[in-house]
Amino acid sequence: MVRFEITGFGRETGKEYVKIYEAKSKEEAIMKASDDGIIVQTDKIINLPEIQQAIHKKKLDEKTKETNQILYKSHPAMFRGQPFKFIFCVLVFGIWGVLLIIFAMWQSAFIPWIIGACILVVWWLRCYAVELTITKDRAILRKGILSKSTNEVRNKDIKNIQVIQGIIQRIFDTGTIGISSAGTGGIEIVVSGMPRPQEIADLIRQNQ
């Protein structure tokens, strides 16, 4: 059975009606509407499953189009973004555990390693929760894992692009990227630790 949306006028009342009928074909739906005293406007019969499929196809096409237009997509770098912090965590908690083993404190030896691993996992999740995407049309910043927030700026509206890199960041080719448009006074998109920040700025300028 297929659902059809029928539009027509009452044979006696002259009022306009919009009703949904389940039928095997359009002709059967028209017959059911006629039995209810409705003069059917055949040019306004809607096959609801076809409409739903068309909407789904449109959304899929838009998603595919966006995917095909992606020029850059990345999360903030973990090690490259803050190499000293990463090395500090590994060395401090690693050496702490080794020292406990040397002094025969076997039962406590895994505690610093577990703490260090937890810190690195939380750090990784914080990096993974931030994603910057550059397409031919816009810059998109997505944040969050369970709850999501999205900030978009069209490339043609972008007036200011900031790339900030320290000495260490230049060595590892990471940095902070800031993007603002003419419509606001502040910077709308700011992300630290992004790989290849200069490439991001160049891609936006090339597609404005």
N, C-alpha and C. Protein backbone atom coordinates (compact mmCIF):
# COMPACT_ATOMS: atom_id res chain seq x y z
N MET A 1 0.84 -1.20 0.00
CA MET A 1 0.00 0.00 0.00
C MET A 1 0.88 1.26 0.00
N VAL A 2 0.44 2.25 -0.75
CA VAL A 2 1.17 3.51 -0.86
C VAL A 2 0.28 4.64 -0.36
N ARG A 3 0.89 5.62 0.27
CA ARG A 3 0.12 6.76 0.79
C ARG A 3 0.12 7.89 -0.23
N PHE A 4 -1.08 8.40 -0.52
CA PHE A 4 -1.24 9.50 -1.46
C PHE A 4 -1.92 10.68 -0.77
N GLU A 5 -1.39 11.87 -1.03
CA GLU A 5 -2.03 13.09 -0.52
C GLU A 5 -2.93 13.64 -1.62
N ILE A 6 -4.23 13.68 -1.34
CA ILE A 6 -5.22 14.10 -2.34
C ILE A 6 -5.75 15.49 -2.00
N THR A 7 -5.74 16.37 -2.98
CA THR A 7 -6.31 17.71 -2.83
C THR A 7 -7.52 17.84 -3.74
N GLY A 8 -8.61 18.36 -3.20
CA GLY A 8 -9.81 18.53 -4.02
C GLY A 8 -10.86 19.36 -3.30
N PHE A 9 -12.06 19.42 -3.91
CA PHE A 9 -13.15 20.23 -3.37
C PHE A 9 -14.35 19.32 -3.09
N GLY A 10 -15.06 19.63 -2.00
CA GLY A 10 -16.25 18.86 -1.66
C GLY A 10 -17.33 19.03 -2.71
N ARG A 11 -17.95 17.91 -3.09
CA ARG A 11 -18.95 17.95 -4.14
C ARG A 11 -20.17 18.78 -3.72
N GLU A 12 -20.47 18.75 -2.44
CA GLU A 12 -21.64 19.48 -1.96
C GLU A 12 -21.28 20.80 -1.29
N THR A 13 -20.18 20.79 -0.53
CA THR A 13 -19.82 21.99 0.24
C THR A 13 -18.99 22.98 -0.55
N GLY A 14 -18.23 22.50 -1.52
CA GLY A 14 -17.35 23.38 -2.29
C GLY A 14 -16.07 23.75 -1.55
N LYS A 15 -15.91 23.23 -0.34
CA LYS A 15 -14.70 23.52 0.44
C LYS A 15 -13.51 22.71 -0.06
N GLU A 16 -12.34 23.27 0.13
CA GLU A 16 -11.12 22.56 -0.28
C GLU A 16 -10.72 21.56 0.80
N TYR A 17 -10.36 20.36 0.39
CA TYR A 17 -9.93 19.31 1.31
C TYR A 17 -8.55 18.79 0.90
N VAL A 18 -7.77 18.47 1.91
CA VAL A 18 -6.48 17.79 1.70
C VAL A 18 -6.48 16.55 2.60
N LYS A 19 -6.55 15.38 1.98
CA LYS A 19 -6.61 14.14 2.74
C LYS A 19 -5.56 13.15 2.24
N ILE A 20 -5.23 12.23 3.13
CA ILE A 20 -4.25 11.20 2.80
C ILE A 20 -4.98 9.85 2.73
N TYR A 21 -4.75 9.15 1.62
CA TYR A 21 -5.36 7.83 1.42
C TYR A 21 -4.26 6.79 1.18
N GLU A 22 -4.52 5.60 1.69
CA GLU A 22 -3.64 4.47 1.42
C GLU A 22 -4.27 3.63 0.31
N ALA A 23 -3.52 3.42 -0.76
CA ALA A 23 -4.04 2.67 -1.90
C ALA A 23 -2.90 2.00 -2.65
N LYS A 24 -3.27 1.06 -3.53
CA LYS A 24 -2.26 0.36 -4.32
C LYS A 24 -1.81 1.19 -5.51
N SER A 25 -2.66 2.12 -5.94
CA SER A 25 -2.32 2.96 -7.09
C SER A 25 -2.99 4.32 -6.95
N LYS A 26 -2.58 5.23 -7.83
CA LYS A 26 -3.16 6.57 -7.82
C LYS A 26 -4.65 6.53 -8.15
N GLU A 27 -5.01 5.66 -9.10
CA GLU A 27 -6.40 5.56 -9.52
C GLU A 27 -7.29 5.10 -8.35
N GLU A 28 -6.79 4.14 -7.58
CA GLU A 28 -7.57 3.65 -6.44
C GLU A 28 -7.74 4.75 -5.40
N ALA A 29 -6.69 5.57 -5.18
CA ALA A 29 -6.79 6.68 -4.23
C ALA A 29 -7.82 7.70 -4.69
N ILE A 30 -7.87 7.95 -6.02
CA ILE A 30 -8.85 8.89 -6.57
C ILE A 30 -10.27 8.36 -6.36
N MET A 31 -10.44 7.06 -6.55
CA MET A 31 -11.75 6.45 -6.36
C MET A 31 -12.20 6.57 -4.90
N LYS A 32 -11.26 6.36 -3.94
CA LYS A 32 -11.61 6.48 -2.53
C LYS A 32 -12.01 7.91 -2.19
N ALA A 33 -11.29 8.87 -2.76
CA ALA A 33 -11.62 10.28 -2.51
C ALA A 33 -12.98 10.62 -3.11
N SER A 34 -13.24 10.05 -4.29
CA SER A 34 -14.53 10.32 -4.95
C SER A 34 -15.67 9.74 -4.14
N ASP A 35 -15.45 8.56 -3.54
CA ASP A 35 -16.47 7.96 -2.70
C ASP A 35 -16.76 8.84 -1.48
N ASP A 36 -15.75 9.62 -1.05
CA ASP A 36 -15.95 10.52 0.09
C ASP A 36 -16.56 11.85 -0.32
N GLY A 37 -16.92 11.97 -1.60
CA GLY A 37 -17.56 13.19 -2.07
C GLY A 37 -16.58 14.30 -2.40
N ILE A 38 -15.35 13.93 -2.79
CA ILE A 38 -14.34 14.94 -3.11
C ILE A 38 -14.07 14.93 -4.61
N ILE A 39 -14.13 16.11 -5.21
CA ILE A 39 -13.74 16.26 -6.62
C ILE A 39 -12.22 16.48 -6.63
N VAL A 40 -11.49 15.50 -7.14
CA VAL A 40 -10.03 15.48 -7.02
C VAL A 40 -9.37 16.37 -8.07
N GLN A 41 -8.38 17.13 -7.61
CA GLN A 41 -7.51 17.88 -8.53
C GLN A 41 -6.33 16.97 -8.87
N THR A 42 -6.40 16.37 -10.03
CA THR A 42 -5.42 15.33 -10.38
C THR A 42 -3.98 15.87 -10.49
N ASP A 43 -3.86 17.17 -10.71
CA ASP A 43 -2.51 17.73 -10.83
C ASP A 43 -1.87 18.00 -9.46
N LYS A 44 -2.64 17.76 -8.37
CA LYS A 44 -2.11 18.01 -7.03
C LYS A 44 -2.05 16.74 -6.18
N ILE A 45 -1.96 15.59 -6.84
CA ILE A 45 -1.83 14.32 -6.13
C ILE A 45 -0.35 14.08 -5.83
N ILE A 46 -0.05 13.83 -4.58
CA ILE A 46 1.35 13.67 -4.15
C ILE A 46 1.55 12.25 -3.63
N ASN A 47 2.53 11.57 -4.20
CA ASN A 47 2.94 10.25 -3.70
C ASN A 47 3.94 10.48 -2.56
N LEU A 48 3.50 10.30 -1.33
CA LEU A 48 4.33 10.66 -0.17
C LEU A 48 5.66 9.90 -0.11
N PRO A 49 5.68 8.56 -0.36
CA PRO A 49 6.99 7.88 -0.35
C PRO A 49 7.97 8.46 -1.36
N GLU A 50 7.46 8.87 -2.54
CA GLU A 50 8.33 9.47 -3.55
C GLU A 50 8.88 10.81 -3.07
N ILE A 51 8.05 11.58 -2.36
CA ILE A 51 8.51 12.86 -1.80
C ILE A 51 9.62 12.62 -0.79
N GLN A 52 9.41 11.63 0.10
CA GLN A 52 10.41 11.32 1.11
C GLN A 52 11.71 10.86 0.46
N GLN A 53 11.60 10.03 -0.58
CA GLN A 53 12.79 9.57 -1.28
C GLN A 53 13.51 10.74 -1.96
N ALA A 54 12.73 11.68 -2.51
CA ALA A 54 13.33 12.84 -3.17
C ALA A 54 14.06 13.71 -2.16
N ILE A 55 13.46 13.89 -0.96
CA ILE A 55 14.11 14.68 0.08
C ILE A 55 15.40 14.01 0.52
N HIS A 56 15.33 12.68 0.72
CA HIS A 56 16.52 11.93 1.13
C HIS A 56 17.60 12.03 0.06
N LYS A 57 17.20 11.91 -1.21
CA LYS A 57 18.17 11.99 -2.30
C LYS A 57 18.81 13.38 -2.36
N LYS A 58 17.99 14.42 -2.12
CA LYS A 58 18.52 15.78 -2.14
C LYS A 58 19.56 15.99 -1.04
N LYS A 59 19.23 15.48 0.18
CA LYS A 59 20.18 15.60 1.28
C LYS A 59 21.47 14.84 0.98
N LEU A 60 21.32 13.64 0.39
CA LEU A 60 22.49 12.83 0.04
C LEU A 60 23.33 13.52 -1.01
N ASP A 61 22.66 14.14 -2.00
CA ASP A 61 23.39 14.85 -3.05
C ASP A 61 24.15 16.05 -2.48
N GLU A 62 23.50 16.76 -1.53
CA GLU A 62 24.17 17.92 -0.91
C GLU A 62 25.38 17.48 -0.11
N LYS A 63 25.24 16.35 0.61
CA LYS A 63 26.35 15.83 1.40
C LYS A 63 27.49 15.38 0.49
N THR A 64 27.14 14.70 -0.63
CA THR A 64 28.15 14.26 -1.58
C THR A 64 28.84 15.44 -2.23
N LYS A 65 28.06 16.48 -2.55
CA LYS A 65 28.63 17.69 -3.16
C LYS A 65 29.62 18.35 -2.22
N GLU A 66 29.24 18.43 -0.92
CA GLU A 66 30.13 19.03 0.07
C GLU A 66 31.41 18.21 0.21
N THR A 67 31.25 16.85 0.21
CA THR A 67 32.42 15.98 0.33
C THR A 67 33.36 16.17 -0.84
N ASN A 68 32.79 16.30 -2.05
CA ASN A 68 33.61 16.47 -3.24
C ASN A 68 34.32 17.82 -3.27
N GLN A 69 33.80 18.79 -2.52
CA GLN A 69 34.37 20.13 -2.53
C GLN A 69 35.37 20.35 -1.39
N ILE A 70 35.58 19.36 -0.54
CA ILE A 70 36.47 19.53 0.60
C ILE A 70 37.91 19.70 0.12
N LEU A 71 38.52 20.80 0.55
CA LEU A 71 39.91 21.09 0.18
C LEU A 71 40.87 20.79 1.33
N TYR A 72 40.37 20.91 2.55
CA TYR A 72 41.20 20.69 3.74
C TYR A 72 40.29 20.23 4.87
N LYS A 73 40.75 19.24 5.62
CA LYS A 73 39.97 18.74 6.75
C LYS A 73 40.93 18.13 7.75
N SER A 74 40.94 18.67 8.98
CA SER A 74 41.90 18.17 9.96
C SER A 74 41.49 18.55 11.37
N HIS A 75 42.05 17.83 12.33
CA HIS A 75 41.92 18.15 13.76
C HIS A 75 43.22 18.81 14.22
N PRO A 76 43.21 19.53 15.34
CA PRO A 76 44.45 20.05 15.89
C PRO A 76 45.45 18.93 16.15
N ALA A 77 46.71 19.20 15.81
CA ALA A 77 47.75 18.19 15.99
C ALA A 77 48.06 18.02 17.48
N MET A 78 48.31 16.79 17.88
CA MET A 78 48.58 16.51 19.30
C MET A 78 50.06 16.70 19.60
N PHE A 79 50.91 15.84 19.04
CA PHE A 79 52.35 15.95 19.31
C PHE A 79 52.95 17.19 18.64
N ARG A 80 52.62 17.39 17.35
CA ARG A 80 53.21 18.51 16.62
C ARG A 80 52.74 19.85 17.18
N GLY A 81 51.51 19.88 17.73
CA GLY A 81 50.98 21.14 18.26
C GLY A 81 51.67 21.57 19.54
N GLN A 82 51.95 20.62 20.42
CA GLN A 82 52.61 20.93 21.70
C GLN A 82 53.62 19.82 22.01
N PRO A 83 54.74 19.79 21.29
CA PRO A 83 55.71 18.69 21.46
C PRO A 83 56.32 18.61 22.85
N PHE A 84 56.61 19.76 23.47
CA PHE A 84 57.23 19.75 24.80
C PHE A 84 56.27 19.18 25.85
N LYS A 85 55.00 19.52 25.73
CA LYS A 85 54.00 18.99 26.66
C LYS A 85 53.88 17.47 26.52
N PHE A 86 53.91 17.00 25.28
CA PHE A 86 53.81 15.57 25.03
C PHE A 86 55.02 14.83 25.60
N ILE A 87 56.20 15.34 25.31
CA ILE A 87 57.44 14.71 25.80
C ILE A 87 57.49 14.75 27.32
N PHE A 88 57.05 15.86 27.91
CA PHE A 88 57.03 16.00 29.37
C PHE A 88 56.16 14.92 30.01
N CYS A 89 54.97 14.72 29.45
CA CYS A 89 54.06 13.71 30.00
C CYS A 89 54.67 12.32 29.92
N VAL A 90 55.23 12.00 28.76
CA VAL A 90 55.79 10.66 28.56
C VAL A 90 56.98 10.43 29.49
N LEU A 91 57.89 11.41 29.55
CA LEU A 91 59.10 11.24 30.36
C LEU A 91 58.80 11.21 31.86
N VAL A 92 58.03 12.20 32.33
CA VAL A 92 57.77 12.30 33.77
C VAL A 92 57.07 11.06 34.30
N PHE A 93 55.97 10.69 33.67
CA PHE A 93 55.22 9.56 34.19
C PHE A 93 55.92 8.23 33.89
N GLY A 94 56.66 8.19 32.78
CA GLY A 94 57.43 6.98 32.48
C GLY A 94 58.57 6.77 33.46
N ILE A 95 59.34 7.83 33.71
CA ILE A 95 60.47 7.73 34.65
C ILE A 95 59.97 7.48 36.07
N TRP A 96 58.86 8.10 36.43
CA TRP A 96 58.28 7.88 37.75
C TRP A 96 57.96 6.39 37.96
N GLY A 97 57.36 5.77 36.96
CA GLY A 97 57.05 4.35 37.07
C GLY A 97 58.29 3.49 37.14
N VAL A 98 59.30 3.82 36.35
CA VAL A 98 60.54 3.05 36.37
C VAL A 98 61.23 3.15 37.73
N LEU A 99 61.23 4.35 38.31
CA LEU A 99 61.85 4.53 39.62
C LEU A 99 61.14 3.69 40.69
N LEU A 100 59.83 3.62 40.61
CA LEU A 100 59.10 2.79 41.57
C LEU A 100 59.48 1.32 41.42
N ILE A 101 59.72 0.90 40.19
CA ILE A 101 60.15 -0.49 39.98
C ILE A 101 61.55 -0.71 40.55
N ILE A 102 62.45 0.26 40.31
CA ILE A 102 63.83 0.14 40.81
C ILE A 102 63.86 0.02 42.32
N PHE A 103 62.98 0.78 42.98
CA PHE A 103 62.94 0.75 44.44
C PHE A 103 61.98 -0.33 44.96
N ALA A 104 61.70 -1.28 44.09
CA ALA A 104 60.91 -2.47 44.46
C ALA A 104 59.50 -2.15 44.94
N MET A 105 58.94 -1.07 44.43
CA MET A 105 57.56 -0.73 44.78
C MET A 105 56.65 -1.16 43.62
N TRP A 106 56.62 -2.48 43.40
CA TRP A 106 55.94 -3.03 42.24
C TRP A 106 54.45 -2.71 42.21
N GLN A 107 53.82 -2.74 43.34
CA GLN A 107 52.37 -2.55 43.38
C GLN A 107 51.97 -1.13 42.96
N SER A 108 52.86 -0.18 43.16
CA SER A 108 52.56 1.22 42.81
C SER A 108 53.14 1.63 41.47
N ALA A 109 53.88 0.72 40.82
CA ALA A 109 54.61 1.09 39.61
C ALA A 109 53.69 1.49 38.46
N PHE A 110 52.50 0.88 38.40
CA PHE A 110 51.62 1.15 37.26
C PHE A 110 50.78 2.41 37.46
N ILE A 111 50.74 2.95 38.67
CA ILE A 111 49.91 4.13 38.93
C ILE A 111 50.32 5.32 38.06
N PRO A 112 51.61 5.71 38.03
CA PRO A 112 51.99 6.85 37.18
C PRO A 112 51.76 6.59 35.70
N TRP A 113 51.93 5.34 35.27
CA TRP A 113 51.69 5.03 33.87
C TRP A 113 50.20 5.18 33.53
N ILE A 114 49.35 4.77 34.44
CA ILE A 114 47.90 4.91 34.21
C ILE A 114 47.51 6.39 34.19
N ILE A 115 48.10 7.17 35.12
CA ILE A 115 47.81 8.62 35.15
C ILE A 115 48.25 9.27 33.84
N GLY A 116 49.47 8.93 33.41
CA GLY A 116 49.98 9.49 32.16
C GLY A 116 49.14 9.11 30.97
N ALA A 117 48.70 7.84 30.92
CA ALA A 117 47.86 7.39 29.81
C ALA A 117 46.52 8.12 29.80
N CYS A 118 45.95 8.34 31.00
CA CYS A 118 44.68 9.06 31.09
C CYS A 118 44.81 10.50 30.58
N ILE A 119 45.92 11.14 30.95
CA ILE A 119 46.15 12.52 30.50
C ILE A 119 46.25 12.57 28.97
N LEU A 120 46.97 11.61 28.38
CA LEU A 120 47.13 11.59 26.93
C LEU A 120 45.81 11.28 26.22
N VAL A 121 45.00 10.39 26.80
CA VAL A 121 43.70 10.06 26.19
C VAL A 121 42.77 11.27 26.22
N VAL A 122 42.72 11.98 27.36
CA VAL A 122 41.88 13.17 27.46
C VAL A 122 42.35 14.24 26.48
N TRP A 123 43.65 14.38 26.37
CA TRP A 123 44.23 15.35 25.43
C TRP A 123 43.84 14.99 24.00
N TRP A 124 43.95 13.70 23.66
CA TRP A 124 43.59 13.25 22.32
C TRP A 124 42.12 13.51 22.03
N LEU A 125 41.25 13.24 23.00
CA LEU A 125 39.82 13.48 22.81
C LEU A 125 39.52 14.96 22.58
N ARG A 126 40.22 15.83 23.29
CA ARG A 126 40.03 17.27 23.12
C ARG A 126 40.44 17.70 21.71
N CYS A 127 41.50 17.09 21.18
CA CYS A 127 41.92 17.40 19.81
C CYS A 127 40.92 16.83 18.80
N TYR A 128 40.47 15.61 19.05
CA TYR A 128 39.54 14.94 18.13
C TYR A 128 38.20 15.66 18.07
N ALA A 129 37.83 16.31 19.18
CA ALA A 129 36.52 16.98 19.26
C ALA A 129 36.47 18.27 18.43
N VAL A 130 37.60 18.72 17.92
CA VAL A 130 37.66 19.94 17.12
C VAL A 130 38.05 19.57 15.69
N GLU A 131 37.27 20.03 14.72
CA GLU A 131 37.55 19.72 13.32
C GLU A 131 37.34 20.96 12.47
N LEU A 132 38.34 21.31 11.68
CA LEU A 132 38.25 22.44 10.77
C LEU A 132 38.21 21.91 9.33
N THR A 133 37.19 22.35 8.60
CA THR A 133 37.02 21.92 7.21
C THR A 133 36.98 23.16 6.32
N ILE A 134 37.73 23.10 5.24
CA ILE A 134 37.71 24.17 4.24
C ILE A 134 37.18 23.59 2.94
N THR A 135 36.08 24.15 2.43
CA THR A 135 35.54 23.73 1.14
C THR A 135 35.70 24.88 0.14
N LYS A 136 35.20 24.69 -1.05
CA LYS A 136 35.29 25.75 -2.05
C LYS A 136 34.39 26.92 -1.72
N ASP A 137 33.41 26.69 -0.82
CA ASP A 137 32.43 27.73 -0.50
C ASP A 137 32.61 28.36 0.86
N ARG A 138 33.09 27.57 1.86
CA ARG A 138 33.09 28.09 3.23
C ARG A 138 34.12 27.42 4.12
N ALA A 139 34.36 28.06 5.27
CA ALA A 139 35.19 27.48 6.34
C ALA A 139 34.23 27.02 7.44
N ILE A 140 34.40 25.78 7.89
CA ILE A 140 33.47 25.17 8.84
C ILE A 140 34.25 24.67 10.05
N LEU A 141 33.89 25.14 11.22
CA LEU A 141 34.50 24.67 12.47
C LEU A 141 33.46 23.88 13.25
N ARG A 142 33.76 22.61 13.52
CA ARG A 142 32.87 21.75 14.30
C ARG A 142 33.55 21.40 15.62
N LYS A 143 32.79 21.50 16.70
CA LYS A 143 33.31 21.17 18.03
C LYS A 143 32.36 20.22 18.74
N GLY A 144 32.95 19.31 19.53
CA GLY A 144 32.14 18.41 20.34
C GLY A 144 32.16 16.98 19.84
N ILE A 145 31.91 16.05 20.77
CA ILE A 145 31.81 14.63 20.43
C ILE A 145 30.37 14.17 20.62
N LEU A 146 29.84 14.32 21.83
CA LEU A 146 28.45 13.96 22.09
C LEU A 146 27.51 15.09 21.67
N SER A 147 27.76 16.29 22.19
CA SER A 147 27.02 17.47 21.74
C SER A 147 27.90 18.22 20.74
N LYS A 148 27.29 18.69 19.67
CA LYS A 148 28.03 19.31 18.58
C LYS A 148 27.65 20.78 18.42
N SER A 149 28.64 21.59 18.04
CA SER A 149 28.37 22.98 17.65
C SER A 149 29.14 23.24 16.36
N THR A 150 28.52 24.01 15.48
CA THR A 150 29.11 24.29 14.17
C THR A 150 29.12 25.78 13.91
N ASN A 151 30.24 26.27 13.41
CA ASN A 151 30.38 27.68 13.04
C ASN A 151 30.89 27.74 11.61
N GLU A 152 30.14 28.43 10.75
CA GLU A 152 30.49 28.50 9.33
C GLU A 152 30.66 29.95 8.89
N VAL A 153 31.65 30.15 8.02
CA VAL A 153 31.85 31.48 7.41
C VAL A 153 32.08 31.26 5.92
N ARG A 154 31.30 31.95 5.10
CA ARG A 154 31.47 31.81 3.65
C ARG A 154 32.78 32.45 3.22
N ASN A 155 33.47 31.80 2.29
CA ASN A 155 34.77 32.29 1.85
C ASN A 155 34.70 33.70 1.28
N LYS A 156 33.62 33.98 0.57
CA LYS A 156 33.52 35.30 -0.06
C LYS A 156 33.30 36.42 0.97
N ASP A 157 32.87 36.04 2.19
CA ASP A 157 32.64 37.04 3.24
C ASP A 157 33.87 37.25 4.12
N ILE A 158 34.87 36.39 3.98
CA ILE A 158 36.06 36.48 4.85
C ILE A 158 36.93 37.66 4.43
N LYS A 159 37.22 38.51 5.41
CA LYS A 159 38.03 39.70 5.15
C LYS A 159 39.38 39.64 5.85
N ASN A 160 39.48 38.84 6.90
CA ASN A 160 40.72 38.80 7.68
C ASN A 160 41.08 37.36 8.02
N ILE A 161 42.31 36.98 7.71
CA ILE A 161 42.82 35.64 8.06
C ILE A 161 44.12 35.82 8.83
N GLN A 162 44.15 35.31 10.05
CA GLN A 162 45.35 35.41 10.88
C GLN A 162 46.02 34.05 11.00
N VAL A 163 47.32 34.03 10.78
CA VAL A 163 48.12 32.82 10.98
C VAL A 163 49.21 33.16 12.00
N ILE A 164 49.18 32.50 13.15
CA ILE A 164 50.14 32.77 14.22
C ILE A 164 50.99 31.52 14.45
N GLN A 165 52.31 31.67 14.32
CA GLN A 165 53.23 30.56 14.51
C GLN A 165 54.45 31.01 15.32
N GLY A 166 54.76 30.25 16.38
CA GLY A 166 56.00 30.48 17.09
C GLY A 166 57.14 29.72 16.42
N ILE A 167 58.32 29.78 17.00
CA ILE A 167 59.48 29.11 16.40
C ILE A 167 59.27 27.61 16.33
N ILE A 168 58.84 27.01 17.44
CA ILE A 168 58.62 25.56 17.47
C ILE A 168 57.49 25.17 16.52
N GLN A 169 56.44 25.99 16.47
CA GLN A 169 55.33 25.69 15.58
C GLN A 169 55.74 25.78 14.12
N ARG A 170 56.64 26.68 13.78
CA ARG A 170 57.11 26.77 12.40
C ARG A 170 57.93 25.54 12.03
N ILE A 171 58.68 25.02 13.00
CA ILE A 171 59.48 23.81 12.75
C ILE A 171 58.56 22.63 12.44
N PHE A 172 57.47 22.50 13.22
CA PHE A 172 56.55 21.38 13.04
C PHE A 172 55.38 21.71 12.11
N ASP A 173 55.39 22.91 11.52
CA ASP A 173 54.37 23.35 10.58
C ASP A 173 52.96 23.27 11.17
N THR A 174 52.79 23.84 12.34
CA THR A 174 51.48 23.98 12.97
C THR A 174 51.31 25.44 13.39
N GLY A 175 50.12 25.78 13.84
CA GLY A 175 49.90 27.16 14.29
C GLY A 175 48.44 27.43 14.57
N THR A 176 48.18 28.68 14.93
CA THR A 176 46.81 29.13 15.22
C THR A 176 46.26 29.85 14.00
N ILE A 177 45.05 29.49 13.60
CA ILE A 177 44.41 30.14 12.47
C ILE A 177 43.18 30.89 12.98
N GLY A 178 43.04 32.16 12.59
CA GLY A 178 41.89 32.98 12.96
C GLY A 178 41.20 33.50 11.71
N ILE A 179 39.88 33.40 11.67
CA ILE A 179 39.11 33.80 10.49
C ILE A 179 37.97 34.71 10.92
N SER A 180 37.84 35.85 10.23
CA SER A 180 36.74 36.77 10.53
C SER A 180 36.17 37.33 9.24
N SER A 181 34.90 37.71 9.29
CA SER A 181 34.22 38.25 8.11
C SER A 181 33.94 39.72 8.31
N ALA A 182 33.41 40.32 7.27
CA ALA A 182 33.12 41.75 7.33
C ALA A 182 31.93 42.04 8.22
N GLY A 183 31.07 41.03 8.44
CA GLY A 183 29.84 41.27 9.18
C GLY A 183 29.98 41.33 10.68
N THR A 184 31.15 40.98 11.22
CA THR A 184 31.35 40.98 12.67
C THR A 184 32.62 41.72 13.03
N GLY A 185 32.67 42.16 14.27
CA GLY A 185 33.84 42.89 14.72
C GLY A 185 34.95 41.97 15.20
N GLY A 186 34.58 40.78 15.74
CA GLY A 186 35.57 39.87 16.29
C GLY A 186 35.93 38.77 15.33
N ILE A 187 36.78 37.86 15.82
CA ILE A 187 37.19 36.71 15.02
C ILE A 187 36.19 35.57 15.26
N GLU A 188 35.61 35.06 14.21
CA GLU A 188 34.55 34.05 14.35
C GLU A 188 35.09 32.63 14.52
N ILE A 189 36.20 32.33 13.86
CA ILE A 189 36.79 30.99 13.95
C ILE A 189 38.23 31.12 14.40
N VAL A 190 38.55 30.50 15.52
CA VAL A 190 39.92 30.47 16.04
C VAL A 190 40.24 29.04 16.44
N VAL A 191 41.31 28.48 15.88
CA VAL A 191 41.72 27.12 16.21
C VAL A 191 43.22 27.09 16.38
N SER A 192 43.68 26.52 17.49
CA SER A 192 45.11 26.41 17.78
C SER A 192 45.62 25.02 17.41
N GLY A 193 46.90 24.95 17.09
CA GLY A 193 47.54 23.66 16.84
C GLY A 193 47.17 23.01 15.52
N MET A 194 46.68 23.79 14.56
CA MET A 194 46.27 23.20 13.28
C MET A 194 47.47 22.91 12.39
N PRO A 195 47.51 21.74 11.77
CA PRO A 195 48.59 21.44 10.82
C PRO A 195 48.47 22.31 9.57
N ARG A 196 49.59 22.73 9.02
CA ARG A 196 49.69 23.49 7.78
C ARG A 196 48.77 24.72 7.77
N PRO A 197 48.91 25.62 8.74
CA PRO A 197 48.00 26.78 8.82
C PRO A 197 48.11 27.72 7.63
N GLN A 198 49.32 27.85 7.08
CA GLN A 198 49.48 28.73 5.92
C GLN A 198 48.75 28.19 4.71
N GLU A 199 48.71 26.87 4.60
CA GLU A 199 47.96 26.24 3.51
C GLU A 199 46.47 26.55 3.64
N ILE A 200 45.97 26.57 4.87
CA ILE A 200 44.55 26.90 5.10
C ILE A 200 44.26 28.31 4.59
N ALA A 201 45.12 29.25 4.96
CA ALA A 201 44.93 30.64 4.53
C ALA A 201 44.98 30.76 3.01
N ASP A 202 45.91 30.06 2.38
CA ASP A 202 46.06 30.13 0.91
C ASP A 202 44.83 29.53 0.22
N LEU A 203 44.30 28.42 0.75
CA LEU A 203 43.13 27.79 0.13
C LEU A 203 41.91 28.71 0.22
N ILE A 204 41.74 29.40 1.33
CA ILE A 204 40.60 30.32 1.46
C ILE A 204 40.74 31.45 0.47
N ARG A 205 41.91 32.04 0.38
CA ARG A 205 42.13 33.16 -0.54
C ARG A 205 41.92 32.74 -2.00
N GLN A 206 42.34 31.53 -2.34
CA GLN A 206 42.18 31.05 -3.72
C GLN A 206 40.73 30.80 -4.10
N ASN A 207 39.87 30.62 -3.10
CA ASN A 207 38.47 30.27 -3.38
C ASN A 207 37.49 31.36 -2.93
N GLN A 208 37.98 32.58 -2.82
CA GLN A 208 37.10 33.69 -2.47
C GLN A 208 36.44 34.25 -3.73
